[in-house]
Amino acid sequence: MSAVAAPAALTLPGPRPAADVAVLPDLFVPEACQWLSSTAGRVALEGYSWMQAVHWVAGSGLYKPRRYRSHGPRAFGPTTVLVAQELAQLFPCRPGIAYLVRRTRLSERTVEYHLQILREAGLLAWIVRGTRVSGGPAQASEFALMIPTAFDEALGIRTVQRDETAPAYTRAPCGIAEAGRELMAALAKKATRKVRKRLAKPSSKVTAKGAREGAAQDAVPAVSDEVRCTPMQVGSSAGSSAGVISFPPEEKLASGEAKSPTPKKFPKRAGGRRKQNKVGRRFQLARELVQELDWLRGCSVPRIAWVARGVADAGWTVTDVRAWLHLRGEVARVRRGSGLLAVLLAGAESVLDTPAKRSAAIEQWRGAQEAARRHRIEQVRARAERYDGDWTGPASYRVQQEVAAAVAKVREVANGGPGAGAADAWDLLPDTACAPAAEPGVKGLEDDVIAQARIEAGQRLMAGDTSLITLAVDAMGREEAEQLYGPALVRRGMQLAYGARSSLMTYGHR
């Protein structure tokens, strides 16, 4: 060996035996080192080489999730590889949870578990961590595909840092030991395969009849594609292990007269529907209560079903529950509907324990509903008679009392009571509202009093109050009212009074 070749030979590592993964330390990366800036691994150049590292970690057993937490997956298994092969196809690796759920057909929580496993095994590193902003869309995380240092040590892979100013994770492989070539070839074959999600296994509870039918179906030979016997493209063959089968003629099949030799059997159900069990009755009662009771709107049906489980199991209907709530009393303000229902229904099935008692409660509740309906009708009728008539009462409480007293006196005189014929009709009305007319003005009133009355009526008219003018017109007549308040003021007041009762004009305060 020459002097030039000797130093070069010293820089190359000599042959070493295959690394035993059993003596390697446990593979675990804490959360603080799961970022690209703090990771000890190197970035994979493409998804193919990264999948080799993924399969190596899966087969080595160096990382076991149950060593570091008590829940989640038990091992780095095929599901983790399934998630990893979806990540290997993304450049940049910026997957959303919804995207991985749609591609892998796994649950959202399962995808999150296996992403955490890949990070803790040193195969993924955060570049940007996703966030959730209130009122905005969720931001997906961006990952870097990493190859852990344990993989390079186990296979004897040599790396080199070509740019001294670049970070350590940018180092690239430059060789591999002879002992690791065979394992690398096996990992390359695994990296080219596609892992698919396993379908659910069929139930092991198979009856003997079903097994015999399956065996008979397997024993039937292949059907020839050359002969077709019906318009439904059902194949037929010359022989069959099931015996001779006679088929109806095609004219009967076309007309629909022929019946199938093996009619379908459907389970008999009462009324065409399956009978509800205990849980079904609870949920049905809960749904009806949420729909009919206003203070239960928005409550969770399963929670109401749990609250009303006692009366539902006792056979109560929604009418029985409403009758019982009427007996307990109405509420004006409800803060938590399910809690109030739980308090009101406490002991209900023990009080109304017979159908007769529940029927009596229902009759009492319906009687109260009818009484309330009649009361509302009377209120609406009284309101309509009050506001739809020609006369509008005064707004002042003092004037209302005087008008009521005058009307009572008029009725007393009209009915022949005490004081009949002793007083004139004008004397029975309030002095402040009206008085008989005189030649210069109104009888018994001076000019300053008339002027003050007109000023007060004008001020009220500006505020939209026409009670003084309308009361004077109703009590004294249009002519006497014009002598008291003036023709212009009376005309304006009557226009506003008529307009207030019209649906085409509204007025009021801003």
Protein backbone atom coordinates (compact mmCIF):
# COMPACT_ATOMS: atom_id res chain seq x y z
CA MET A 1 0.00 0.00 0.00
CA SER A 2 1.37 3.40 -0.96
CA ALA A 3 1.85 6.31 1.38
CA VAL A 4 -0.93 8.25 -0.34
CA ALA A 5 -3.42 5.42 -0.07
CA ALA A 6 -2.72 4.66 3.57
CA PRO A 7 -4.33 7.80 5.08
CA ALA A 8 -7.34 7.34 2.83
CA ALA A 9 -7.74 3.78 4.07
CA LEU A 10 -7.70 4.96 7.66
CA THR A 11 -10.61 7.39 7.10
CA LEU A 12 -12.92 4.64 5.79
CA PRO A 13 -14.74 2.55 8.44
CA GLY A 14 -13.85 -1.10 8.37
CA PRO A 15 -16.37 -3.90 7.96
CA ARG A 16 -18.54 -4.29 11.03
CA PRO A 17 -21.16 -6.90 11.93
CA ALA A 18 -24.86 -6.23 11.46
CA ALA A 19 -26.30 -4.05 14.16
CA ASP A 20 -28.59 -5.85 16.54
CA VAL A 21 -31.73 -3.81 17.14
CA ALA A 22 -32.24 -5.49 20.50
CA VAL A 23 -29.26 -3.66 22.02
CA LEU A 24 -30.29 -0.26 20.66
CA PRO A 25 -31.82 2.21 23.10
CA ASP A 26 -35.54 2.85 23.13
CA LEU A 27 -36.74 5.10 20.34
CA PHE A 28 -38.61 8.06 21.80
CA VAL A 29 -38.50 11.79 21.00
CA PRO A 30 -39.94 14.15 23.63
CA GLU A 31 -42.31 16.91 22.59
CA ALA A 32 -39.69 19.64 22.92
CA CYS A 33 -37.54 17.90 20.28
CA GLN A 34 -40.36 17.27 17.79
CA TRP A 35 -39.64 20.49 15.89
CA LEU A 36 -37.43 20.73 12.82
CA SER A 37 -35.13 23.20 14.52
CA SER A 38 -34.50 20.90 17.51
CA THR A 39 -34.61 17.43 15.95
CA ALA A 40 -31.61 15.08 15.92
CA GLY A 41 -32.59 13.21 12.74
CA ARG A 42 -32.12 14.13 9.12
CA VAL A 43 -34.65 15.15 6.50
CA ALA A 44 -35.67 12.41 4.04
CA LEU A 45 -34.92 13.31 0.44
CA GLU A 46 -38.08 11.63 -0.90
CA GLY A 47 -41.03 9.60 0.33
CA TYR A 48 -39.57 6.25 -0.79
CA SER A 49 -36.54 6.41 1.52
CA TRP A 50 -38.74 7.72 4.32
CA MET A 51 -41.06 4.72 3.99
CA GLN A 52 -38.02 2.46 4.41
CA ALA A 53 -37.37 4.09 7.77
CA VAL A 54 -41.06 3.77 8.69
CA HIS A 55 -41.08 0.03 8.00
CA TRP A 56 -37.83 -0.37 9.94
CA VAL A 57 -39.32 1.30 13.01
CA ALA A 58 -42.47 -0.83 12.67
CA GLY A 59 -40.42 -4.05 12.58
CA SER A 60 -37.77 -3.16 15.14
CA GLY A 61 -40.09 -2.78 18.11
CA LEU A 62 -37.96 0.02 19.55
CA TYR A 63 -40.96 2.28 19.97
CA LYS A 64 -44.00 1.11 21.90
CA PRO A 65 -46.72 3.71 22.54
CA ARG A 66 -47.95 2.06 25.73
CA ARG A 67 -44.60 2.73 27.40
CA TYR A 68 -45.34 6.45 27.49
CA ARG A 69 -49.14 6.66 27.87
CA SER A 70 -51.98 4.52 29.18
CA HIS A 71 -54.38 5.05 26.27
CA GLY A 72 -54.31 5.01 22.50
CA PRO A 73 -52.80 2.40 20.15
CA ARG A 74 -50.81 -0.41 21.67
CA ALA A 75 -48.01 -0.60 19.09
CA PHE A 76 -46.51 0.90 15.95
CA GLY A 77 -48.55 -1.25 13.58
CA PRO A 78 -50.14 -1.38 10.11
CA THR A 79 -52.48 1.51 10.85
CA THR A 80 -49.51 3.77 11.53
CA VAL A 81 -47.93 2.64 8.26
CA LEU A 82 -51.22 3.35 6.48
CA VAL A 83 -51.18 6.95 7.72
CA ALA A 84 -47.48 7.26 6.87
CA GLN A 85 -47.89 6.19 3.25
CA GLU A 86 -50.52 8.93 2.79
CA LEU A 87 -48.07 11.46 4.20
CA ALA A 88 -45.28 10.22 1.93
CA GLN A 89 -47.25 11.32 -1.15
CA LEU A 90 -47.60 14.95 -0.01
CA PHE A 91 -45.01 17.58 -0.95
CA PRO A 92 -45.06 19.77 1.03
CA CYS A 93 -46.33 17.52 3.80
CA ARG A 94 -49.20 19.72 5.00
CA PRO A 95 -52.16 17.37 5.58
CA GLY A 96 -55.40 18.29 7.27
CA ILE A 97 -57.02 15.92 9.72
CA ALA A 98 -60.18 15.85 7.59
CA TYR A 99 -58.11 14.91 4.52
CA LEU A 100 -56.44 11.98 6.31
CA VAL A 101 -59.78 10.82 7.71
CA ARG A 102 -61.23 10.80 4.21
CA ARG A 103 -58.24 9.00 2.67
CA THR A 104 -57.67 6.37 5.36
CA ARG A 105 -61.31 5.90 6.46
CA LEU A 106 -60.20 6.14 10.08
CA SER A 107 -61.71 8.24 12.84
CA GLU A 108 -60.39 11.69 13.62
CA ARG A 109 -59.05 10.67 17.01
CA THR A 110 -57.27 7.63 15.51
CA VAL A 111 -55.50 9.82 12.95
CA GLU A 112 -54.36 12.19 15.70
CA TYR A 113 -53.02 9.24 17.72
CA HIS A 114 -50.91 7.89 14.85
CA LEU A 115 -49.56 11.32 13.92
CA GLN A 116 -48.36 11.59 17.50
CA ILE A 117 -46.76 8.14 17.24
CA LEU A 118 -44.85 9.20 14.11
CA ARG A 119 -43.60 12.34 15.86
CA GLU A 120 -42.52 10.47 18.99
CA ALA A 121 -40.70 7.88 16.88
CA GLY A 122 -38.64 10.64 15.23
CA LEU A 123 -40.25 10.16 11.79
CA LEU A 124 -42.06 13.51 11.69
CA ALA A 125 -41.08 16.98 12.83
CA TRP A 126 -43.16 20.11 12.96
CA ILE A 127 -42.29 22.94 10.60
CA VAL A 128 -45.48 24.88 11.38
CA ARG A 129 -47.95 23.74 13.97
CA GLY A 130 -51.63 24.10 13.08
CA THR A 131 -53.90 26.35 15.08
CA ARG A 132 -57.59 26.88 15.63
CA VAL A 133 -58.73 30.50 15.63
CA SER A 134 -62.17 31.29 17.03
CA GLY A 135 -64.47 32.24 14.18
CA GLY A 136 -62.00 31.25 11.45
CA PRO A 137 -60.90 28.13 9.62
CA ALA A 138 -58.50 25.66 11.23
CA GLN A 139 -54.89 25.88 10.00
CA ALA A 140 -53.23 22.55 9.08
CA SER A 141 -49.81 21.59 10.43
CA GLU A 142 -46.82 21.28 8.10
CA PHE A 143 -44.41 18.40 8.75
CA ALA A 144 -40.95 17.42 7.64
CA LEU A 145 -40.32 13.74 6.84
CA MET A 146 -37.45 12.73 9.13
CA ILE A 147 -35.17 9.69 9.37
CA PRO A 148 -34.09 9.03 12.97
CA THR A 149 -30.43 8.58 13.92
CA ALA A 150 -31.19 5.07 15.25
CA PHE A 151 -32.00 3.97 11.69
CA ASP A 152 -28.61 5.16 10.40
CA GLU A 153 -26.80 3.48 13.29
CA ALA A 154 -28.62 0.17 12.87
CA LEU A 155 -27.95 -0.14 9.12
CA GLY A 156 -24.52 1.46 9.16
CA ILE A 157 -25.50 4.39 6.93
CA ARG A 158 -22.82 7.08 6.64
CA THR A 159 -23.91 10.70 6.24
CA VAL A 160 -22.05 13.82 5.21
CA GLN A 161 -22.71 17.53 5.73
CA ARG A 162 -22.03 19.13 2.37
CA ASP A 163 -22.74 22.68 3.52
CA GLU A 164 -21.10 23.56 6.80
CA THR A 165 -23.37 26.60 7.28
CA ALA A 166 -26.58 24.57 6.84
CA PRO A 167 -28.40 22.99 9.81
CA ALA A 168 -27.51 19.47 10.92
CA TYR A 169 -30.77 17.98 9.67
CA THR A 170 -29.73 18.65 6.05
CA ARG A 171 -26.98 16.01 6.05
CA ALA A 172 -27.23 13.44 3.25
CA PRO A 173 -26.33 9.71 3.12
CA CYS A 174 -23.10 8.83 1.35
CA GLY A 175 -22.73 5.09 1.98
CA ILE A 176 -23.91 2.00 3.80
CA ALA A 177 -22.15 -0.89 5.50
CA GLU A 178 -22.15 -4.30 3.87
CA ALA A 179 -24.01 -5.81 6.80
CA GLY A 180 -26.97 -3.46 6.33
CA ARG A 181 -27.45 -3.95 2.57
CA GLU A 182 -29.59 -7.07 2.89
CA LEU A 183 -31.90 -5.41 5.42
CA MET A 184 -32.09 -2.29 3.24
CA ALA A 185 -33.18 -4.44 0.27
CA ALA A 186 -35.92 -6.03 2.36
CA LEU A 187 -37.09 -2.58 3.49
CA ALA A 188 -37.12 -1.41 -0.14
CA LYS A 189 -39.57 -4.18 -1.05
CA LYS A 190 -41.84 -3.20 1.82
CA ALA A 191 -41.70 0.47 0.84
CA THR A 192 -43.06 -0.33 -2.62
CA ARG A 193 -46.09 -2.16 -1.27
CA LYS A 194 -49.35 -0.42 -0.43
CA VAL A 195 -50.90 -1.04 2.95
CA ARG A 196 -54.71 -1.02 2.91
CA LYS A 197 -57.20 -0.80 5.72
CA ARG A 198 -58.48 -4.19 6.77
CA LEU A 199 -62.19 -4.76 6.34
CA ALA A 200 -64.31 -5.90 9.26
CA LYS A 201 -64.31 -9.64 9.70
CA PRO A 202 -67.68 -11.40 9.27
CA SER A 203 -69.37 -12.68 12.37
CA SER A 204 -68.25 -16.10 13.57
CA LYS A 205 -71.80 -16.99 14.57
CA VAL A 206 -72.79 -18.83 11.41
CA THR A 207 -75.58 -21.35 11.61
CA ALA A 208 -75.20 -24.88 10.29
CA LYS A 209 -77.87 -24.20 7.68
CA GLY A 210 -75.93 -21.19 6.40
CA ALA A 211 -72.76 -23.24 6.25
CA ARG A 212 -74.50 -25.97 4.24
CA GLU A 213 -75.95 -23.37 1.85
CA GLY A 214 -72.51 -21.85 1.36
CA ALA A 215 -71.04 -25.26 0.65
CA ALA A 216 -73.79 -25.98 -1.87
CA GLN A 217 -73.14 -22.67 -3.62
CA ASP A 218 -69.43 -23.44 -3.80
CA ALA A 219 -70.21 -26.82 -5.32
CA VAL A 220 -72.14 -25.33 -8.26
CA PRO A 221 -69.94 -25.35 -11.38
CA ALA A 222 -69.19 -22.24 -13.39
CA VAL A 223 -71.98 -20.96 -15.59
CA SER A 224 -71.43 -20.81 -19.28
CA ASP A 225 -71.64 -17.37 -20.85
CA GLU A 226 -72.83 -18.72 -24.17
CA VAL A 227 -76.41 -19.66 -23.20
CA ARG A 228 -78.85 -17.08 -21.79
CA CYS A 229 -82.36 -18.25 -20.95
CA THR A 230 -84.25 -15.20 -19.63
CA PRO A 231 -84.38 -11.45 -20.31
CA MET A 232 -82.82 -10.95 -16.86
CA GLN A 233 -79.53 -12.38 -18.23
CA VAL A 234 -79.50 -15.34 -15.83
CA GLY A 235 -77.05 -17.96 -16.97
CA SER A 236 -77.98 -21.62 -17.30
CA SER A 237 -76.01 -24.78 -17.73
CA ALA A 238 -76.77 -28.31 -18.89
CA GLY A 239 -76.07 -29.92 -15.53
CA SER A 240 -76.18 -28.92 -11.90
CA SER A 241 -75.27 -30.66 -8.68
CA ALA A 242 -78.43 -29.27 -7.07
CA GLY A 243 -80.65 -31.49 -9.20
CA VAL A 244 -83.10 -30.81 -12.01
CA ILE A 245 -84.74 -27.36 -11.75
CA SER A 246 -87.85 -26.60 -13.79
CA PHE A 247 -88.27 -22.99 -14.95
CA PRO A 248 -91.61 -21.44 -16.00
CA PRO A 249 -92.15 -20.45 -19.62
CA GLU A 250 -91.01 -17.02 -20.68
CA GLU A 251 -94.53 -15.77 -21.54
CA LYS A 252 -95.53 -16.18 -17.89
CA LEU A 253 -92.39 -14.41 -16.76
CA ALA A 254 -93.11 -11.52 -19.11
CA SER A 255 -96.72 -11.17 -17.90
CA GLY A 256 -95.76 -11.47 -14.27
CA GLU A 257 -98.07 -14.42 -13.56
CA ALA A 258 -95.43 -16.87 -12.49
CA LYS A 259 -94.31 -16.89 -8.88
CA SER A 260 -90.83 -17.44 -7.66
CA PRO A 261 -90.16 -21.04 -6.52
CA THR A 262 -88.45 -19.68 -3.38
CA PRO A 263 -90.57 -16.78 -2.06
CA LYS A 264 -88.93 -14.33 0.27
CA LYS A 265 -89.87 -14.52 3.91
CA PHE A 266 -90.22 -11.31 5.85
CA PRO A 267 -90.56 -11.23 9.62
CA LYS A 268 -94.08 -10.49 10.80
CA ARG A 269 -94.46 -7.20 12.61
CA ALA A 270 -97.48 -5.87 14.44
CA GLY A 271 -98.96 -3.02 12.42
CA GLY A 272 -96.08 -3.11 9.96
CA ARG A 273 -93.65 -1.70 12.54
CA ARG A 274 -91.35 -3.32 15.01
CA LYS A 275 -92.42 -3.08 18.62
CA GLN A 276 -90.44 -0.53 20.60
CA ASN A 277 -88.36 -1.58 23.53
CA LYS A 278 -87.85 0.34 26.76
CA VAL A 279 -85.15 2.65 25.39
CA GLY A 280 -87.20 3.39 22.26
CA ARG A 281 -90.20 4.45 24.36
CA ARG A 282 -88.01 6.77 26.41
CA PHE A 283 -86.63 8.50 23.33
CA GLN A 284 -90.06 8.77 21.71
CA LEU A 285 -91.50 10.46 24.80
CA ALA A 286 -88.48 12.77 24.99
CA ARG A 287 -88.88 13.87 21.37
CA GLU A 288 -92.59 14.60 21.87
CA LEU A 289 -91.89 16.61 25.04
CA VAL A 290 -89.22 18.71 23.32
CA GLN A 291 -91.63 19.46 20.46
CA GLU A 292 -94.70 20.33 22.58
CA LEU A 293 -93.20 22.17 25.59
CA ASP A 294 -91.80 25.57 24.72
CA TRP A 295 -89.41 25.67 27.68
CA LEU A 296 -87.79 22.41 26.54
CA ARG A 297 -86.92 23.69 23.05
CA GLY A 298 -83.22 23.20 22.34
CA CYS A 299 -82.71 20.58 25.07
CA SER A 300 -80.87 17.37 24.28
CA VAL A 301 -83.25 14.51 23.49
CA PRO A 302 -81.02 11.85 25.15
CA ARG A 303 -80.87 13.95 28.34
CA ILE A 304 -84.66 14.40 28.39
CA ALA A 305 -85.04 10.66 27.76
CA TRP A 306 -82.90 9.95 30.81
CA VAL A 307 -84.83 12.48 32.95
CA ALA A 308 -88.23 11.07 31.91
CA ARG A 309 -87.18 7.42 32.10
CA GLY A 310 -89.41 6.72 35.13
CA VAL A 311 -92.68 7.90 33.59
CA ALA A 312 -91.74 6.41 30.20
CA ASP A 313 -91.20 2.99 31.75
CA ALA A 314 -94.56 3.35 33.53
CA GLY A 315 -96.31 3.75 30.16
CA TRP A 316 -97.02 7.49 30.31
CA THR A 317 -97.78 9.48 27.18
CA VAL A 318 -96.96 13.10 26.46
CA THR A 319 -100.58 14.02 27.39
CA ASP A 320 -100.15 12.37 30.79
CA VAL A 321 -96.94 14.31 31.39
CA ARG A 322 -98.56 17.63 30.42
CA ALA A 323 -101.49 16.94 32.76
CA TRP A 324 -99.09 16.21 35.60
CA LEU A 325 -97.12 19.41 34.91
CA HIS A 326 -100.42 21.34 35.07
CA LEU A 327 -101.09 19.86 38.51
CA ARG A 328 -97.61 20.82 39.71
CA GLY A 329 -98.05 24.42 38.55
CA GLU A 330 -96.95 26.63 35.69
CA VAL A 331 -93.57 28.39 35.60
CA ALA A 332 -92.82 31.85 34.25
CA ARG A 333 -89.05 31.70 33.88
CA VAL A 334 -86.96 28.65 33.05
CA ARG A 335 -83.17 28.67 33.15
CA ARG A 336 -82.44 24.97 32.59
CA GLY A 337 -85.28 22.96 31.12
CA SER A 338 -83.94 19.47 31.81
CA GLY A 339 -83.26 20.27 35.46
CA LEU A 340 -86.74 21.74 35.97
CA LEU A 341 -88.33 18.71 34.30
CA ALA A 342 -86.38 16.39 36.61
CA VAL A 343 -87.72 18.27 39.67
CA LEU A 344 -91.32 18.34 38.40
CA LEU A 345 -91.37 14.64 37.45
CA ALA A 346 -89.94 13.45 40.78
CA GLY A 347 -92.36 10.87 42.19
CA ALA A 348 -94.93 11.37 39.42
CA GLU A 349 -95.29 7.65 38.59
CA SER A 350 -96.02 6.84 42.25
CA VAL A 351 -98.71 9.54 42.63
CA LEU A 352 -100.59 8.85 39.40
CA ASP A 353 -100.01 5.13 39.52
CA THR A 354 -103.24 4.03 37.82
CA PRO A 355 -104.74 4.85 34.41
CA ALA A 356 -107.87 6.19 36.14
CA LYS A 357 -105.89 8.79 38.07
CA ARG A 358 -104.05 9.85 34.95
CA SER A 359 -107.36 10.16 33.06
CA ALA A 360 -108.77 12.40 35.81
CA ALA A 361 -105.67 14.59 35.65
CA ILE A 362 -106.02 14.85 31.88
CA GLU A 363 -109.66 15.93 32.18
CA GLN A 364 -108.72 18.57 34.73
CA TRP A 365 -105.93 19.87 32.48
CA ARG A 366 -108.20 20.02 29.44
CA GLY A 367 -110.84 21.88 31.45
CA ALA A 368 -108.26 24.45 32.47
CA GLN A 369 -107.15 24.77 28.84
CA GLU A 370 -110.76 25.40 27.74
CA ALA A 371 -111.27 28.00 30.47
CA ALA A 372 -108.09 29.79 29.46
CA ARG A 373 -109.19 29.74 25.83
CA ARG A 374 -112.53 31.31 26.68
CA HIS A 375 -110.85 33.96 28.81
CA ARG A 376 -108.58 34.90 25.92
CA ILE A 377 -111.60 35.16 23.59
CA GLU A 378 -113.34 37.49 26.03
CA GLN A 379 -110.26 39.64 26.33
CA VAL A 380 -109.92 39.93 22.56
CA ARG A 381 -113.61 40.75 22.21
CA ALA A 382 -113.46 43.46 24.89
CA ARG A 383 -110.35 44.93 23.30
CA ALA A 384 -112.01 44.97 19.90
CA GLU A 385 -115.12 46.66 21.29
CA ARG A 386 -112.96 49.23 23.03
CA TYR A 387 -110.68 50.20 20.15
CA ASP A 388 -112.90 49.58 17.14
CA GLY A 389 -115.81 51.82 18.29
CA ASP A 390 -116.50 55.41 17.25
CA TRP A 391 -115.70 56.89 20.64
CA THR A 392 -112.16 57.12 22.07
CA GLY A 393 -111.88 57.60 25.80
CA PRO A 394 -109.82 60.43 27.32
CA ALA A 395 -106.23 59.86 28.31
CA SER A 396 -106.45 61.73 31.62
CA TYR A 397 -107.40 59.59 34.58
CA ARG A 398 -109.32 62.44 36.25
CA VAL A 399 -111.38 63.07 33.12
CA GLN A 400 -112.06 59.32 32.82
CA GLN A 401 -113.48 59.30 36.35
CA GLU A 402 -115.71 62.29 35.62
CA VAL A 403 -116.97 60.77 32.38
CA ALA A 404 -117.70 57.47 34.12
CA ALA A 405 -119.65 59.27 36.85
CA ALA A 406 -121.63 61.27 34.28
CA VAL A 407 -122.47 58.16 32.28
CA ALA A 408 -123.62 56.44 35.46
CA LYS A 409 -125.91 59.36 36.27
CA VAL A 410 -127.32 59.36 32.74
CA ARG A 411 -128.08 55.65 32.97
CA GLU A 412 -129.67 56.15 36.38
CA VAL A 413 -131.95 58.89 35.06
CA ALA A 414 -132.80 56.88 31.94
CA ASN A 415 -133.78 53.90 34.06
CA GLY A 416 -136.13 56.01 36.23
CA GLY A 417 -133.89 56.09 39.28
CA PRO A 418 -133.60 58.90 41.89
CA GLY A 419 -133.16 62.33 40.29
CA ALA A 420 -135.05 61.41 37.11
CA GLY A 421 -136.33 64.59 35.43
CA ALA A 422 -134.76 66.84 38.09
CA ALA A 423 -131.66 67.67 36.12
CA ASP A 424 -130.86 68.50 32.56
CA ALA A 425 -128.60 66.25 30.53
CA TRP A 426 -126.07 69.06 30.21
CA ASP A 427 -125.75 69.31 33.99
CA LEU A 428 -124.74 65.64 34.24
CA LEU A 429 -121.55 66.07 32.14
CA PRO A 430 -118.22 67.31 33.61
CA ASP A 431 -117.88 71.08 33.84
CA THR A 432 -114.34 71.01 32.50
CA ALA A 433 -115.32 69.18 29.34
CA CYS A 434 -118.40 70.96 28.08
CA ALA A 435 -121.15 73.47 28.90
CA PRO A 436 -124.25 74.84 27.12
CA ALA A 437 -123.56 77.48 24.53
CA ALA A 438 -124.29 81.25 24.95
CA GLU A 439 -124.51 83.95 22.37
CA PRO A 440 -121.02 85.47 22.81
CA GLY A 441 -119.33 82.20 23.68
CA VAL A 442 -120.21 79.29 25.93
CA LYS A 443 -122.85 79.70 28.64
CA GLY A 444 -121.35 80.41 32.05
CA LEU A 445 -117.74 80.76 30.80
CA GLU A 446 -115.80 83.98 30.41
CA ASP A 447 -113.52 84.87 27.55
CA ASP A 448 -110.29 84.23 29.50
CA VAL A 449 -111.53 80.75 30.49
CA ILE A 450 -112.39 79.95 26.87
CA ALA A 451 -108.99 81.22 25.75
CA GLN A 452 -107.21 79.11 28.39
CA ALA A 453 -109.22 76.03 27.32
CA ARG A 454 -108.29 76.59 23.68
CA ILE A 455 -104.60 76.98 24.59
CA GLU A 456 -104.64 73.72 26.59
CA ALA A 457 -106.49 71.86 23.81
CA GLY A 458 -104.03 73.19 21.21
CA GLN A 459 -101.03 72.07 23.27
CA ARG A 460 -102.48 68.58 23.68
CA LEU A 461 -103.31 68.49 20.00
CA MET A 462 -99.69 69.27 19.15
CA ALA A 463 -98.67 66.27 21.28
CA GLY A 464 -101.21 64.06 19.50
CA ASP A 465 -103.81 64.04 22.33
CA THR A 466 -107.32 64.70 21.00
CA SER A 467 -109.21 63.60 24.11
CA LEU A 468 -110.48 67.08 25.08
CA ILE A 469 -111.88 67.82 21.62
CA THR A 470 -113.43 64.40 21.02
CA LEU A 471 -114.96 64.36 24.50
CA ALA A 472 -116.52 67.78 23.92
CA VAL A 473 -117.87 66.73 20.52
CA ASP A 474 -119.36 63.52 21.91
CA ALA A 475 -120.88 65.23 24.93
CA MET A 476 -122.06 68.61 23.56
CA GLY A 477 -122.14 68.14 19.82
CA ARG A 478 -120.08 69.55 17.00
CA GLU A 479 -121.51 73.09 17.11
CA GLU A 480 -121.09 73.59 20.85
CA ALA A 481 -117.56 72.22 20.70
CA GLU A 482 -116.68 74.66 17.91
CA GLN A 483 -117.99 77.55 20.05
CA LEU A 484 -115.73 76.39 22.91
CA TYR A 485 -112.54 75.50 21.03
CA GLY A 486 -113.03 77.15 17.65
CA PRO A 487 -113.87 75.55 14.26
CA ALA A 488 -110.22 75.16 13.14
CA LEU A 489 -109.11 73.40 16.32
CA VAL A 490 -112.12 71.06 16.35
CA ARG A 491 -111.68 70.19 12.67
CA ARG A 492 -107.97 69.39 13.17
CA GLY A 493 -108.67 67.34 16.27
CA MET A 494 -111.38 65.27 14.57
CA GLN A 495 -109.09 64.64 11.59
CA LEU A 496 -106.39 63.27 13.89
CA ALA A 497 -108.94 61.22 15.83
CA TYR A 498 -110.30 59.61 12.66
CA GLY A 499 -106.78 59.07 11.31
CA ALA A 500 -105.70 57.29 14.51
CA ARG A 501 -108.35 54.63 13.90
CA SER A 502 -107.26 54.13 10.30
CA SER A 503 -104.67 51.56 9.29
CA LEU A 504 -103.31 53.94 6.63
CA MET A 505 -101.89 56.52 9.07
CA THR A 506 -99.86 56.33 12.24
CA TYR A 507 -98.48 59.05 14.45
CA GLY A 508 -96.70 59.21 17.77
CA HIS A 509 -93.55 60.34 19.52
CA ARG A 510 -90.09 59.81 18.05
